[in-house]
Amino acid sequence: MSNRTYKVAVVGATGAVGEAMLAVLVERRFPVGELVALASERSAGDYVKFGNDEVMVRDLATFDPAGVDIALFSAGGAISKEYAPKFAAAGAVVIDNSSTFRYDDDVPLVVSEVNPEAAKHRPRGIIANPNCSTMQLMVALKPIHDAAGIERINIATYQSVSGTGRKALEELGRQTAALLNFHEVEPEVYPVQIAFNVIPHGGDFTDNGYTTEEMKLVWETKKILGDDAIRVNATVVRVPVFYGHSEAVNIETRDKLDAQDARALLERAPGIEVVDEPRGGGYPTPVTHASGRDPVYVGRIRDDLSHPRALNLWVVSDNIRKGAALNAVQIAELVAAEHG
C-alpha cells in the first residue's frame, strides 16, 4: 500500500452496497485523505456514517469529479453509463459494481484473489466488479482450475434478496410479518411472493430461455478465468434469505482431482475458509457463517459418484460484503499499491 492518501468518491453512498463500501474502507484502513459521498439529488444533504464521522451526501449531477483519485460506483447501470466515463476522463480510477462495462474488452473484470494483475490494464480508467454470484464462485474455483483445469461447471444458486436491493429486503420482512399474522400479501419487487418461497428467476429472461443473472455466470466466468473453453450451465434461484448467496456447484475437471486434494488446495487458497465436516452443522450457511463476514466459505466437498473427474462443492458468501463492497475496496488497494 502506498504512503500517500487518496480522494475517494463513493457513488451510491446511501444504498446498501454504498454503505458497506464506506464501512469496509474504514475497517481495512484504506488511506482516504478525503471522502466524497455522492447520490441522487433527493438524497443530497443527508448524512452517511464514515468511521466516527458523519459525511454529507452531495448531488452527483452537479459534482465536479476533478481531483478524485478513486471512484467506487454502486448506483446502478444507468448511472454508471452516464457518469463513470466522466470521472475517468477527469483522472479518477473508476471501480464499477454494475454490469455496464463487464463485457467490454478494454475494461478488466477483476476478482482480487483470482486475477489481480488484470487491474493494471485499464485503458479507459475503469475496472469492473463482477456479479456477486460469479465473484464467490471464482474465488472457490480458481485454485482448482489452476491445478486440474475446469471443463464444465453446473451451478444452481440460492441467492438472497439483498442482491435485488433495499426494497427487496423490506418486501421479505413485510411479507414474513404479514403471513405470520395470517394476512395476505401482494408481491411488488418480485413477480411472486418471496416469503416462505423460492423463485427460479433472477434478472430478465433472454431469448435463449435463460435469465440475465444466469448468463452473467456464463460470460463472466470465461472472462475472469481467461478460458473461453469452459462450459457453464446455470440456474439462478432467489430464496427468502436476507444476506448471503449459496451455490451448489458441480465441476468437471480436465485432470483427475479427488475431493481430498481439492480440500487441501482450498484450505491454502486466499479468501477461502473451508467448513467441511460430515456432521450436522459441519457446513457453511449464510446465517451461521457468511453474513457480515469477508471470506468465501466452501463445504460439502465430495467426489461426484457419477463422473470420474468431477467434484461437488457448496459455496457461500455475503453478497453485499464480499460480493460487492469488499472486492471493490480490494481493487482500490491494488490500484494504490501501484504507487509504491
Protein backbone atom coordinates (compact mmCIF):
# COMPACT_ATOMS: atom_id res chain seq x y z
CA MET A 1 0.00 0.00 0.00
CA SER A 2 1.24 3.49 -0.85
CA ASN A 3 2.10 6.00 1.87
CA ARG A 4 0.05 8.68 0.11
CA THR A 5 -3.62 9.35 0.73
CA TYR A 6 -6.42 9.40 -1.83
CA LYS A 7 -9.51 11.40 -2.56
CA VAL A 8 -12.16 8.69 -2.76
CA ALA A 9 -15.69 9.13 -4.08
CA VAL A 10 -18.44 6.63 -3.31
CA VAL A 11 -21.25 6.95 -5.83
CA GLY A 12 -24.46 5.49 -4.46
CA ALA A 13 -23.33 6.10 -0.89
CA THR A 14 -26.83 5.83 0.59
CA GLY A 15 -27.53 2.35 -0.83
CA ALA A 16 -26.84 -0.98 0.86
CA VAL A 17 -23.64 -1.59 -1.11
CA GLY A 18 -22.52 2.02 -0.77
CA GLU A 19 -22.90 1.86 3.00
CA ALA A 20 -20.90 -1.39 3.02
CA MET A 21 -18.18 0.23 0.91
CA LEU A 22 -17.86 3.06 3.43
CA ALA A 23 -17.60 0.57 6.29
CA VAL A 24 -15.01 -1.60 4.52
CA LEU A 25 -12.84 1.43 3.65
CA VAL A 26 -12.67 2.20 7.35
CA GLU A 27 -12.19 -1.39 8.53
CA ARG A 28 -9.33 -2.03 6.09
CA ARG A 29 -7.79 1.37 6.86
CA PHE A 30 -7.65 2.41 3.24
CA PRO A 31 -5.63 5.66 3.07
CA VAL A 32 -8.53 8.03 2.48
CA GLY A 33 -7.45 11.65 2.57
CA GLU A 34 -10.87 12.96 1.61
CA LEU A 35 -14.12 11.02 1.31
CA VAL A 36 -16.86 12.26 -1.01
CA ALA A 37 -20.30 10.68 -0.64
CA LEU A 38 -22.47 11.03 -3.74
CA ALA A 39 -26.03 10.09 -4.57
CA SER A 40 -29.07 11.41 -6.41
CA GLU A 41 -30.49 14.86 -5.78
CA ARG A 42 -33.19 13.51 -3.46
CA SER A 43 -30.51 12.19 -1.06
CA ALA A 44 -28.29 15.26 -1.24
CA GLY A 45 -27.98 16.88 2.17
CA ASP A 46 -28.41 13.61 4.04
CA TYR A 47 -25.52 12.21 6.05
CA VAL A 48 -23.79 8.83 5.93
CA LYS A 49 -21.52 7.28 8.52
CA PHE A 50 -17.80 7.04 7.72
CA GLY A 51 -15.97 5.67 10.74
CA ASN A 52 -16.58 8.11 13.57
CA ASP A 53 -17.56 10.87 11.17
CA GLU A 54 -20.78 11.88 9.50
CA VAL A 55 -20.28 12.87 5.86
CA MET A 56 -22.84 14.95 4.00
CA VAL A 57 -24.13 13.41 0.77
CA ARG A 58 -23.61 15.54 -2.32
CA ASP A 59 -25.59 15.61 -5.55
CA LEU A 60 -23.87 13.50 -8.20
CA ALA A 61 -25.39 15.51 -11.07
CA THR A 62 -23.71 18.76 -10.02
CA PHE A 63 -20.45 17.34 -8.62
CA ASP A 64 -17.15 18.16 -10.36
CA PRO A 65 -15.02 14.97 -10.37
CA ALA A 66 -11.73 16.82 -10.88
CA GLY A 67 -9.25 15.75 -8.21
CA VAL A 68 -10.92 12.44 -7.37
CA ASP A 69 -8.33 9.64 -7.35
CA ILE A 70 -10.59 6.60 -6.97
CA ALA A 71 -14.35 6.40 -7.51
CA LEU A 72 -16.35 3.43 -6.25
CA PHE A 73 -19.64 3.18 -8.17
CA SER A 74 -22.68 1.30 -6.92
CA ALA A 75 -25.69 3.24 -8.11
CA GLY A 76 -27.00 1.11 -10.97
CA GLY A 77 -26.13 0.65 -14.61
CA ALA A 78 -27.71 3.85 -15.95
CA ILE A 79 -25.74 6.00 -13.52
CA SER A 80 -22.51 4.15 -14.28
CA LYS A 81 -23.01 4.51 -18.02
CA GLU A 82 -23.50 8.27 -17.73
CA TYR A 83 -21.05 9.23 -15.01
CA ALA A 84 -18.24 6.66 -14.86
CA PRO A 85 -16.63 7.89 -18.12
CA LYS A 86 -16.80 11.47 -16.80
CA PHE A 87 -14.94 10.52 -13.62
CA ALA A 88 -12.38 8.53 -15.61
CA ALA A 89 -11.86 11.43 -18.02
CA ALA A 90 -11.21 13.68 -15.02
CA GLY A 91 -8.40 11.35 -13.89
CA ALA A 92 -10.10 9.01 -11.43
CA VAL A 93 -9.79 5.24 -11.50
CA VAL A 94 -13.40 4.05 -11.55
CA ILE A 95 -14.30 0.74 -9.88
CA ASP A 96 -17.80 -0.05 -11.07
CA ASN A 97 -20.18 -2.50 -9.45
CA SER A 98 -22.77 -2.54 -12.24
CA SER A 99 -22.81 -4.79 -15.31
CA THR A 100 -22.37 -1.82 -17.67
CA PHE A 101 -18.72 -2.38 -18.59
CA ARG A 102 -18.10 -6.01 -17.59
CA TYR A 103 -18.11 -7.42 -21.09
CA ASP A 104 -16.10 -4.67 -22.78
CA ASP A 105 -12.72 -5.95 -23.95
CA ASP A 106 -10.93 -2.80 -22.78
CA VAL A 107 -12.35 -2.96 -19.24
CA PRO A 108 -10.82 -5.54 -16.87
CA LEU A 109 -13.19 -7.70 -14.83
CA VAL A 110 -11.37 -8.34 -11.57
CA VAL A 111 -11.66 -10.56 -8.51
CA SER A 112 -8.84 -9.60 -6.19
CA GLU A 113 -7.86 -13.17 -5.23
CA VAL A 114 -8.24 -14.54 -8.77
CA ASN A 115 -6.85 -12.16 -11.41
CA PRO A 116 -5.39 -9.11 -9.62
CA GLU A 117 -2.90 -8.47 -12.41
CA ALA A 118 -5.77 -7.60 -14.77
CA ALA A 119 -6.47 -4.41 -12.79
CA LYS A 120 -3.30 -2.80 -14.18
CA HIS A 121 -4.59 -2.87 -17.76
CA ARG A 122 -7.39 -0.31 -17.77
CA PRO A 123 -7.11 1.86 -20.89
CA ARG A 124 -10.43 3.57 -20.17
CA GLY A 125 -9.65 4.12 -16.49
CA ILE A 126 -12.48 1.78 -15.50
CA ILE A 127 -12.30 -1.56 -13.66
CA ALA A 128 -15.43 -3.70 -13.40
CA ASN A 129 -16.56 -5.60 -10.33
CA PRO A 130 -18.16 -8.97 -11.25
CA ASN A 131 -21.65 -10.05 -10.34
CA CYS A 132 -21.82 -11.18 -6.72
CA SER A 133 -22.69 -14.79 -7.52
CA THR A 134 -19.85 -15.04 -10.04
CA MET A 135 -17.37 -13.48 -7.64
CA GLN A 136 -17.72 -16.01 -4.85
CA LEU A 137 -17.70 -18.84 -7.39
CA MET A 138 -14.43 -17.62 -8.92
CA VAL A 139 -12.69 -17.41 -5.54
CA ALA A 140 -13.64 -21.03 -4.88
CA LEU A 141 -12.81 -22.39 -8.34
CA LYS A 142 -9.55 -20.57 -9.14
CA PRO A 143 -7.25 -22.94 -7.18
CA ILE A 144 -8.98 -25.98 -8.69
CA HIS A 145 -8.76 -24.56 -12.22
CA ASP A 146 -5.06 -23.84 -11.76
CA ALA A 147 -4.39 -27.36 -10.51
CA ALA A 148 -6.55 -29.52 -12.77
CA GLY A 149 -8.31 -27.32 -15.32
CA ILE A 150 -12.09 -26.99 -15.38
CA GLU A 151 -14.02 -28.20 -18.41
CA ARG A 152 -17.60 -27.71 -17.25
CA ILE A 153 -19.49 -26.08 -14.40
CA ASN A 154 -23.05 -26.92 -13.38
CA ILE A 155 -24.33 -24.46 -10.81
CA ALA A 156 -27.58 -23.75 -9.01
CA THR A 157 -27.59 -20.60 -6.93
CA TYR A 158 -29.65 -19.81 -3.83
CA GLN A 159 -29.49 -16.03 -3.82
CA SER A 160 -30.59 -13.74 -1.00
CA VAL A 161 -32.97 -10.85 -1.55
CA SER A 162 -30.32 -8.23 -0.68
CA GLY A 163 -28.94 -8.84 -4.17
CA THR A 164 -32.05 -7.12 -5.51
CA GLY A 165 -31.70 -4.10 -3.23
CA ARG A 166 -33.16 -2.45 -0.16
CA LYS A 167 -36.75 -2.64 -1.38
CA ALA A 168 -36.45 -6.41 -1.67
CA LEU A 169 -35.17 -6.65 1.90
CA GLU A 170 -38.17 -4.64 3.03
CA GLU A 171 -40.54 -6.80 0.98
CA LEU A 172 -39.25 -10.02 2.54
CA GLY A 173 -39.59 -8.57 6.04
CA ARG A 174 -43.03 -7.15 5.38
CA GLN A 175 -44.36 -10.33 3.77
CA THR A 176 -42.94 -12.53 6.51
CA ALA A 177 -44.57 -10.45 9.22
CA ALA A 178 -47.88 -10.37 7.38
CA LEU A 179 -48.01 -14.11 6.75
CA LEU A 180 -47.12 -14.91 10.36
CA ASN A 181 -50.13 -12.83 11.31
CA PHE A 182 -52.33 -14.68 8.80
CA HIS A 183 -52.61 -11.74 6.41
CA GLU A 184 -52.44 -12.00 2.65
CA VAL A 185 -49.54 -10.41 0.77
CA GLU A 186 -49.11 -8.83 -2.63
CA PRO A 187 -45.71 -9.01 -4.36
CA GLU A 188 -44.22 -5.72 -5.53
CA VAL A 189 -40.48 -6.22 -6.06
CA TYR A 190 -40.67 -9.84 -7.20
CA PRO A 191 -43.25 -11.32 -9.58
CA VAL A 192 -44.49 -13.72 -6.90
CA GLN A 193 -44.36 -13.96 -3.11
CA ILE A 194 -40.79 -14.36 -1.80
CA ALA A 195 -41.51 -15.08 1.87
CA PHE A 196 -41.58 -18.86 2.56
CA ASN A 197 -41.00 -19.44 -1.15
CA VAL A 198 -38.25 -19.96 -3.73
CA ILE A 199 -38.26 -18.24 -7.13
CA PRO A 200 -36.30 -19.75 -10.06
CA HIS A 201 -35.82 -16.36 -11.65
CA GLY A 202 -33.08 -13.73 -11.39
CA GLY A 203 -32.83 -10.76 -13.73
CA ASP A 204 -34.63 -10.64 -17.07
CA PHE A 205 -35.37 -13.55 -19.37
CA THR A 206 -33.31 -13.70 -22.55
CA ASP A 207 -34.08 -15.18 -25.96
CA ASN A 208 -32.39 -18.49 -25.09
CA GLY A 209 -34.68 -19.08 -22.10
CA TYR A 210 -32.03 -18.29 -19.53
CA THR A 211 -32.06 -15.17 -17.38
CA THR A 212 -29.52 -12.36 -17.35
CA GLU A 213 -28.33 -13.46 -13.89
CA GLU A 214 -27.65 -16.93 -15.28
CA MET A 215 -25.86 -15.61 -18.36
CA LYS A 216 -23.65 -13.41 -16.18
CA LEU A 217 -22.28 -16.59 -14.63
CA VAL A 218 -21.54 -17.93 -18.11
CA TRP A 219 -19.90 -14.82 -19.57
CA GLU A 220 -18.06 -13.57 -16.51
CA THR A 221 -16.54 -16.95 -15.62
CA LYS A 222 -14.89 -17.19 -19.03
CA LYS A 223 -13.51 -13.64 -18.86
CA ILE A 224 -12.20 -13.79 -15.29
CA LEU A 225 -10.52 -17.17 -15.68
CA GLY A 226 -9.33 -16.27 -19.19
CA ASP A 227 -10.63 -19.51 -20.66
CA ASP A 228 -13.37 -19.43 -23.30
CA ALA A 229 -13.45 -23.24 -23.42
CA ILE A 230 -15.08 -23.56 -20.00
CA ARG A 231 -18.74 -24.54 -20.33
CA VAL A 232 -21.15 -23.18 -17.73
CA ASN A 233 -24.72 -24.30 -17.08
CA ALA A 234 -26.51 -22.15 -14.52
CA THR A 235 -29.86 -21.95 -12.75
CA VAL A 236 -30.45 -18.92 -10.53
CA VAL A 237 -32.92 -19.16 -7.65
CA ARG A 238 -33.99 -16.38 -5.28
CA VAL A 239 -34.62 -17.58 -1.71
CA PRO A 240 -36.12 -15.91 1.39
CA VAL A 241 -32.75 -15.11 2.98
CA PHE A 242 -31.76 -11.53 3.80
CA TYR A 243 -27.98 -11.67 3.25
CA GLY A 244 -25.68 -14.26 1.71
CA HIS A 245 -25.72 -16.23 -1.52
CA SER A 246 -25.26 -20.01 -1.60
CA GLU A 247 -24.28 -22.12 -4.58
CA ALA A 248 -24.44 -25.85 -5.29
CA VAL A 249 -21.59 -26.41 -7.73
CA ASN A 250 -20.62 -29.45 -9.78
CA ILE A 251 -17.39 -29.18 -11.77
CA GLU A 252 -15.79 -31.49 -14.30
CA THR A 253 -12.01 -31.15 -14.42
CA ARG A 254 -9.61 -31.90 -17.25
CA ASP A 255 -7.26 -33.82 -14.97
CA LYS A 256 -8.35 -36.07 -12.13
CA LEU A 257 -8.54 -34.23 -8.79
CA ASP A 258 -10.17 -36.03 -5.89
CA ALA A 259 -12.07 -34.40 -3.06
CA GLN A 260 -9.23 -34.78 -0.56
CA ASP A 261 -6.75 -32.96 -2.80
CA ALA A 262 -9.31 -30.31 -3.68
CA ARG A 263 -9.97 -29.70 0.01
CA ALA A 264 -6.25 -29.23 0.65
CA LEU A 265 -5.98 -26.73 -2.22
CA LEU A 266 -8.95 -24.75 -0.95
CA GLU A 267 -7.63 -24.64 2.60
CA ARG A 268 -4.46 -22.92 1.34
CA ALA A 269 -6.18 -20.51 -1.04
CA PRO A 270 -6.58 -16.80 -0.22
CA GLY A 271 -10.03 -15.53 0.71
CA ILE A 272 -11.44 -19.01 1.41
CA GLU A 273 -12.48 -20.68 4.63
CA VAL A 274 -13.25 -24.39 4.41
CA VAL A 275 -16.09 -25.64 6.62
CA ASP A 276 -16.41 -29.27 5.66
CA GLU A 277 -17.25 -31.89 8.26
CA PRO A 278 -19.70 -34.78 7.73
CA ARG A 279 -21.97 -33.86 10.63
CA GLY A 280 -24.94 -31.62 11.32
CA GLY A 281 -23.76 -28.01 11.10
CA GLY A 282 -20.41 -29.01 9.62
CA TYR A 283 -21.06 -26.88 6.52
CA PRO A 284 -21.40 -23.16 5.83
CA THR A 285 -24.72 -21.34 5.63
CA PRO A 286 -25.50 -17.66 5.02
CA VAL A 287 -26.70 -17.04 8.57
CA THR A 288 -24.20 -19.07 10.59
CA HIS A 289 -21.10 -18.16 8.62
CA ALA A 290 -21.30 -15.68 5.76
CA SER A 291 -23.46 -12.74 6.79
CA GLY A 292 -21.31 -9.73 7.66
CA ARG A 293 -18.03 -11.58 7.11
CA ASP A 294 -15.31 -11.42 4.46
CA PRO A 295 -14.43 -14.99 3.40
CA VAL A 296 -15.91 -17.21 0.77
CA TYR A 297 -16.90 -20.39 2.61
CA VAL A 298 -16.68 -23.81 0.96
CA GLY A 299 -18.10 -27.09 2.26
CA ARG A 300 -19.75 -30.36 1.21
CA ILE A 301 -16.64 -31.17 -0.86
CA ARG A 302 -17.35 -34.56 -2.45
CA ASP A 303 -16.30 -36.71 -5.36
CA ASP A 304 -19.06 -36.98 -7.95
CA LEU A 305 -20.15 -40.63 -7.88
CA SER A 306 -21.43 -40.38 -11.45
CA HIS A 307 -18.30 -39.00 -13.13
CA PRO A 308 -14.61 -39.97 -12.79
CA ARG A 309 -13.34 -36.37 -13.00
CA ALA A 310 -15.97 -34.35 -11.19
CA LEU A 311 -16.45 -32.73 -7.79
CA ASN A 312 -19.31 -31.24 -5.80
CA LEU A 313 -18.93 -28.08 -3.72
CA TRP A 314 -21.18 -25.88 -1.61
CA VAL A 315 -20.08 -22.21 -1.78
CA VAL A 316 -21.44 -19.47 0.49
CA SER A 317 -20.57 -15.78 0.82
CA ASP A 318 -22.06 -12.44 1.86
CA ASN A 319 -23.17 -10.99 -1.47
CA ILE A 320 -23.18 -7.38 -0.27
CA ARG A 321 -19.86 -7.54 1.54
CA LYS A 322 -17.53 -9.79 -0.45
CA GLY A 323 -19.82 -9.91 -3.47
CA ALA A 324 -19.66 -6.14 -3.97
CA ALA A 325 -18.13 -3.82 -1.37
CA LEU A 326 -15.07 -5.75 -0.20
CA ASN A 327 -13.87 -6.68 -3.67
CA ALA A 328 -14.25 -3.06 -4.80
CA VAL A 329 -12.06 -1.87 -1.93
CA GLN A 330 -9.57 -4.68 -2.55
CA ILE A 331 -9.32 -3.49 -6.16
CA ALA A 332 -8.74 0.04 -4.85
CA GLU A 333 -5.90 -1.39 -2.75
CA LEU A 334 -4.39 -2.92 -5.89
CA VAL A 335 -4.54 0.49 -7.57
CA ALA A 336 -2.97 2.18 -4.55
CA ALA A 337 -0.18 -0.43 -4.47
CA GLU A 338 0.87 0.65 -7.97
CA HIS A 339 2.18 3.89 -6.46
CA GLY A 340 4.72 2.05 -4.29
